[in-house]
């Protein structure tokens, strides 16, 4: 659990350093996540990194831990 929080905070830090740039690929990224077996749809979270994908997919600097996007 702690590692998942650290992962998300790291993503936020990188995103903040970029000037909070938003990705125009949000819907494409979310579509890829929804097809992934590691995606927990009711919670909208990735079970690998623990991030909420509604937020992570918007961050231009974020990356999928499985390199799917």
Protein backbone atom coordinates (compact mmCIF):
# COMPACT_ATOMS: atom_id res chain seq x y z
CA UNK A 1 0.00 0.00 0.00
CA UNK A 2 2.78 2.43 0.91
CA UNK A 3 4.57 1.71 -2.37
CA UNK A 4 1.41 2.53 -4.34
CA UNK A 5 1.14 5.88 -2.57
CA UNK A 6 4.80 6.58 -3.26
CA UNK A 7 4.30 5.69 -6.95
CA UNK A 8 1.40 8.11 -7.28
CA UNK A 9 3.18 10.91 -5.43
CA UNK A 10 6.16 10.44 -7.74
CA UNK A 11 3.86 10.80 -10.75
CA UNK A 12 2.40 13.99 -9.26
CA UNK A 13 5.87 15.39 -8.64
CA UNK A 14 6.99 14.76 -12.23
CA UNK A 15 3.72 16.23 -13.52
CA UNK A 16 4.14 19.34 -11.36
CA UNK A 17 7.68 19.87 -12.65
CA UNK A 18 6.28 19.78 -16.20
CA UNK A 19 3.96 22.68 -15.39
CA UNK A 20 0.89 20.46 -14.93
CA UNK A 21 0.60 19.78 -18.66
CA UNK A 22 -2.49 17.76 -19.53
CA UNK A 23 -2.43 14.96 -22.05
CA UNK A 24 -4.71 15.17 -25.06
CA UNK A 25 -4.49 11.37 -25.13
CA UNK A 26 -6.65 10.89 -22.02
CA UNK A 27 -9.46 8.94 -23.69
CA UNK A 28 -7.05 6.81 -25.70
CA UNK A 29 -5.06 5.95 -22.59
CA UNK A 30 -8.18 5.18 -20.56
CA UNK A 31 -9.45 2.93 -23.36
CA UNK A 32 -6.18 0.96 -23.25
CA UNK A 33 -6.48 0.64 -19.46
CA UNK A 34 -10.06 -0.61 -19.67
CA UNK A 35 -8.88 -3.54 -21.82
CA UNK A 36 -6.02 -4.45 -19.49
CA UNK A 37 -6.46 -7.37 -17.05
CA UNK A 38 -4.66 -5.31 -14.38
CA UNK A 39 -7.34 -2.59 -14.47
CA UNK A 40 -9.84 -2.60 -11.60
CA UNK A 41 -12.88 -1.06 -13.29
CA UNK A 42 -15.10 -0.49 -10.21
CA UNK A 43 -12.30 1.47 -8.51
CA UNK A 44 -10.85 2.83 -11.78
CA UNK A 45 -7.38 1.87 -10.55
CA UNK A 46 -4.38 0.07 -11.93
CA UNK A 47 -3.58 -2.92 -9.73
CA UNK A 48 0.11 -2.73 -10.70
CA UNK A 49 0.91 0.86 -9.67
CA UNK A 50 -2.21 1.54 -7.59
CA UNK A 51 -2.97 4.84 -9.32
CA UNK A 52 -6.43 6.15 -10.04
CA UNK A 53 -6.53 6.18 -13.82
CA UNK A 54 -8.91 9.14 -14.06
CA UNK A 55 -6.01 11.24 -12.80
CA UNK A 56 -2.94 9.42 -14.06
CA UNK A 57 -4.19 9.17 -17.67
CA UNK A 58 -4.55 12.97 -17.77
CA UNK A 59 -0.96 13.63 -16.75
CA UNK A 60 1.12 14.20 -19.86
CA UNK A 61 4.27 12.97 -18.13
CA UNK A 62 2.79 9.76 -16.71
CA UNK A 63 3.49 6.31 -18.09
CA UNK A 64 1.83 2.93 -17.84
CA UNK A 65 3.83 0.60 -15.57
CA UNK A 66 3.32 -2.14 -18.19
CA UNK A 67 4.46 0.15 -21.05
CA UNK A 68 1.09 0.00 -22.79
CA UNK A 69 1.10 3.80 -23.22
